[in-house]
Amino acid sequence: MQSRGNAPSAEQKRFRENLRDLYPGSVIHHAVGGTAKVKINLVSTNIGEWWILAVAEEEHKKIHASSVGQARKLYEKELFEYQMKHYFRVYFRMPVPDEVLEAIEDYHL
């Protein structure tokens, strides 16, 4: 459940639905939680509703059952990159803001 004031924007909802459409039957996995923020140059940036993955239900359970270590985050980053390339090939645009992509790329392991 979203906290008040942290609800996904219309743009984030559209991104989530478009991603889900690319992978029919998938569920959405938030790699760092829907309300996650990181600081970039002293500015807090919300990455939680952007760093999402469309995965099969069974895969979603496996992700949550795995340890929270480096291997899991590396897998989530690689899958995100793959899905964003697929998204771009289908929709001809990158929905995730550049500063968010940078934050995800630099996210600590």
C-alpha atoms as a PDB file:
ATOM      1  CA  MET A   1       0.000   0.000   0.000  1.00  0.00           C
ATOM      2  CA  GLN A   2       1.258   3.478  -0.861  1.00  0.00           C
ATOM      3  CA  SER A   3       1.702   6.060   1.849  1.00  0.00           C
ATOM      4  CA  ARG A   4      -0.059   9.355   1.412  1.00  0.00           C
ATOM      5  CA  GLY A   5       1.983  11.737  -0.717  1.00  0.00           C
ATOM      6  CA  ASN A   6       3.968   8.879  -2.260  1.00  0.00           C
ATOM      7  CA  ALA A   7       1.424   7.659  -4.782  1.00  0.00           C
ATOM      8  CA  PRO A   8       2.818   6.955  -8.264  1.00  0.00           C
ATOM      9  CA  SER A   9       2.425   9.776 -10.760  1.00  0.00           C
ATOM     10  CA  ALA A  10       0.302   9.355 -13.892  1.00  0.00           C
ATOM     11  CA  GLU A  11       3.524   8.984 -15.885  1.00  0.00           C
ATOM     12  CA  GLN A  12       4.787   6.250 -13.545  1.00  0.00           C
ATOM     13  CA  LYS A  13       1.443   4.429 -13.736  1.00  0.00           C
ATOM     14  CA  ARG A  14       1.509   4.595 -17.545  1.00  0.00           C
ATOM     15  CA  PHE A  15       5.063   3.214 -17.524  1.00  0.00           C
ATOM     16  CA  ARG A  16       4.038   0.365 -15.194  1.00  0.00           C
ATOM     17  CA  GLU A  17       1.039  -0.571 -17.374  1.00  0.00           C
ATOM     18  CA  ASN A  18       3.065  -0.378 -20.603  1.00  0.00           C
ATOM     19  CA  LEU A  19       5.737  -2.597 -19.055  1.00  0.00           C
ATOM     20  CA  ARG A  20       3.099  -5.061 -17.887  1.00  0.00           C
ATOM     21  CA  ASP A  21       1.644  -5.102 -21.437  1.00  0.00           C
ATOM     22  CA  LEU A  22       5.062  -6.106 -22.809  1.00  0.00           C
ATOM     23  CA  TYR A  23       5.076  -9.159 -20.553  1.00  0.00           C
ATOM     24  CA  PRO A  24       1.509 -10.556 -20.428  1.00  0.00           C
ATOM     25  CA  GLY A  25       0.666 -12.383 -17.216  1.00  0.00           C
ATOM     26  CA  SER A  26       3.506 -10.708 -15.335  1.00  0.00           C
ATOM     27  CA  VAL A  27       3.468  -9.115 -11.921  1.00  0.00           C
ATOM     28  CA  ILE A  28       5.361  -5.959 -11.030  1.00  0.00           C
ATOM     29  CA  HIS A  29       8.375  -6.257  -8.738  1.00  0.00           C
ATOM     30  CA  HIS A  30       9.749  -3.107  -7.097  1.00  0.00           C
ATOM     31  CA  ALA A  31      13.506  -3.667  -6.842  1.00  0.00           C
ATOM     32  CA  VAL A  32      13.948  -1.259  -3.924  1.00  0.00           C
ATOM     33  CA  GLY A  33      10.375  -0.594  -2.812  1.00  0.00           C
ATOM     34  CA  GLY A  34       7.884   1.857  -4.254  1.00  0.00           C
ATOM     35  CA  THR A  35       8.918   4.772  -2.051  1.00  0.00           C
ATOM     36  CA  ALA A  36      12.713   4.379  -2.333  1.00  0.00           C
ATOM     37  CA  LYS A  37      14.756   7.529  -2.803  1.00  0.00           C
ATOM     38  CA  VAL A  38      18.460   8.162  -3.310  1.00  0.00           C
ATOM     39  CA  LYS A  39      20.493  11.355  -3.166  1.00  0.00           C
ATOM     40  CA  ILE A  40      22.154  12.533  -6.348  1.00  0.00           C
ATOM     41  CA  ASN A  41      24.268  15.665  -5.945  1.00  0.00           C
ATOM     42  CA  LEU A  42      22.476  16.342  -2.650  1.00  0.00           C
ATOM     43  CA  VAL A  43      19.056  16.140  -4.323  1.00  0.00           C
ATOM     44  CA  SER A  44      16.673  13.389  -3.240  1.00  0.00           C
ATOM     45  CA  THR A  45      15.390  11.439  -6.257  1.00  0.00           C
ATOM     46  CA  ASN A  46      12.530   8.947  -6.151  1.00  0.00           C
ATOM     47  CA  ILE A  47      13.572   5.737  -7.894  1.00  0.00           C
ATOM     48  CA  GLY A  48      11.101   3.304  -6.323  1.00  0.00           C
ATOM     49  CA  GLU A  49       8.256   3.612  -8.833  1.00  0.00           C
ATOM     50  CA  TRP A  50      10.714   3.645 -11.739  1.00  0.00           C
ATOM     51  CA  TRP A  51      12.927   0.695 -10.829  1.00  0.00           C
ATOM     52  CA  ILE A  52      10.310  -1.942 -11.482  1.00  0.00           C
ATOM     53  CA  LEU A  53      10.464  -5.296 -13.201  1.00  0.00           C
ATOM     54  CA  ALA A  54       7.742  -7.261 -14.964  1.00  0.00           C
ATOM     55  CA  VAL A  55       8.251 -10.884 -13.915  1.00  0.00           C
ATOM     56  CA  ALA A  56       6.285 -14.107 -13.793  1.00  0.00           C
ATOM     57  CA  GLU A  57       4.647 -14.868 -10.444  1.00  0.00           C
ATOM     58  CA  GLU A  58       7.029 -17.788  -9.818  1.00  0.00           C
ATOM     59  CA  GLU A  59      10.057 -15.597 -10.597  1.00  0.00           C
ATOM     60  CA  HIS A  60       8.710 -12.935  -8.238  1.00  0.00           C
ATOM     61  CA  LYS A  61       8.568 -15.490  -5.427  1.00  0.00           C
ATOM     62  CA  LYS A  62      12.139 -16.605  -6.192  1.00  0.00           C
ATOM     63  CA  ILE A  63      13.405 -13.024  -6.095  1.00  0.00           C
ATOM     64  CA  HIS A  64      11.854 -12.459  -2.679  1.00  0.00           C
ATOM     65  CA  ALA A  65      13.117 -15.799  -1.394  1.00  0.00           C
ATOM     66  CA  SER A  66      16.693 -15.007  -2.429  1.00  0.00           C
ATOM     67  CA  SER A  67      19.051 -13.188  -0.152  1.00  0.00           C
ATOM     68  CA  VAL A  68      19.113  -9.419  -0.290  1.00  0.00           C
ATOM     69  CA  GLY A  69      22.791  -9.408  -1.210  1.00  0.00           C
ATOM     70  CA  GLN A  70      24.834  -8.298  -4.168  1.00  0.00           C
ATOM     71  CA  ALA A  71      23.720 -11.099  -6.467  1.00  0.00           C
ATOM     72  CA  ARG A  72      20.051 -10.117  -6.175  1.00  0.00           C
ATOM     73  CA  LYS A  73      20.644  -6.417  -6.886  1.00  0.00           C
ATOM     74  CA  LEU A  74      22.937  -7.232  -9.783  1.00  0.00           C
ATOM     75  CA  TYR A  75      20.247  -9.512 -11.233  1.00  0.00           C
ATOM     76  CA  GLU A  76      17.601  -6.785 -10.768  1.00  0.00           C
ATOM     77  CA  LYS A  77      19.832  -4.212 -12.477  1.00  0.00           C
ATOM     78  CA  GLU A  78      20.550  -6.502 -15.422  1.00  0.00           C
ATOM     79  CA  LEU A  79      16.899  -7.451 -15.854  1.00  0.00           C
ATOM     80  CA  PHE A  80      15.885  -3.776 -15.639  1.00  0.00           C
ATOM     81  CA  GLU A  81      18.404  -2.861 -18.350  1.00  0.00           C
ATOM     82  CA  TYR A  82      17.144  -5.693 -20.577  1.00  0.00           C
ATOM     83  CA  GLN A  83      13.502  -4.696 -20.079  1.00  0.00           C
ATOM     84  CA  MET A  84      14.244  -1.010 -20.750  1.00  0.00           C
ATOM     85  CA  LYS A  85      15.921  -1.917 -24.047  1.00  0.00           C
ATOM     86  CA  HIS A  86      12.857  -3.980 -24.966  1.00  0.00           C
ATOM     87  CA  TYR A  87      10.569  -1.119 -23.887  1.00  0.00           C
ATOM     88  CA  PHE A  88      12.497   1.316 -26.091  1.00  0.00           C
ATOM     89  CA  ARG A  89      12.315  -1.013 -29.121  1.00  0.00           C
ATOM     90  CA  VAL A  90       8.532  -1.275 -28.767  1.00  0.00           C
ATOM     91  CA  TYR A  91       7.552   2.253 -27.660  1.00  0.00           C
ATOM     92  CA  PHE A  92      10.427   4.234 -29.245  1.00  0.00           C
ATOM     93  CA  ARG A  93      11.046   6.207 -26.087  1.00  0.00           C
ATOM     94  CA  MET A  94      12.666   5.834 -22.705  1.00  0.00           C
ATOM     95  CA  PRO A  95      10.098   6.624 -20.010  1.00  0.00           C
ATOM     96  CA  VAL A  96      12.526   6.701 -17.084  1.00  0.00           C
ATOM     97  CA  PRO A  97      14.172  10.100 -16.479  1.00  0.00           C
ATOM     98  CA  ASP A  98      17.933  10.226 -17.054  1.00  0.00           C
ATOM     99  CA  GLU A  99      18.712  11.100 -13.432  1.00  0.00           C
ATOM    100  CA  VAL A 100      16.746   8.051 -12.270  1.00  0.00           C
ATOM    101  CA  LEU A 101      18.579   5.778 -14.727  1.00  0.00           C
ATOM    102  CA  GLU A 102      21.854   7.168 -13.388  1.00  0.00           C
ATOM    103  CA  ALA A 103      20.746   6.573  -9.793  1.00  0.00           C
ATOM    104  CA  ILE A 104      19.761   2.975 -10.562  1.00  0.00           C
ATOM    105  CA  GLU A 105      23.042   2.357 -12.360  1.00  0.00           C
ATOM    106  CA  ASP A 106      25.010   3.759  -9.416  1.00  0.00           C
ATOM    107  CA  TYR A 107      22.836   2.097  -6.769  1.00  0.00           C
ATOM    108  CA  HIS A 108      25.082   0.517  -4.159  1.00  0.00           C
ATOM    109  CA  LEU A 109      25.521  -3.217  -4.151  1.00  0.00           C
END
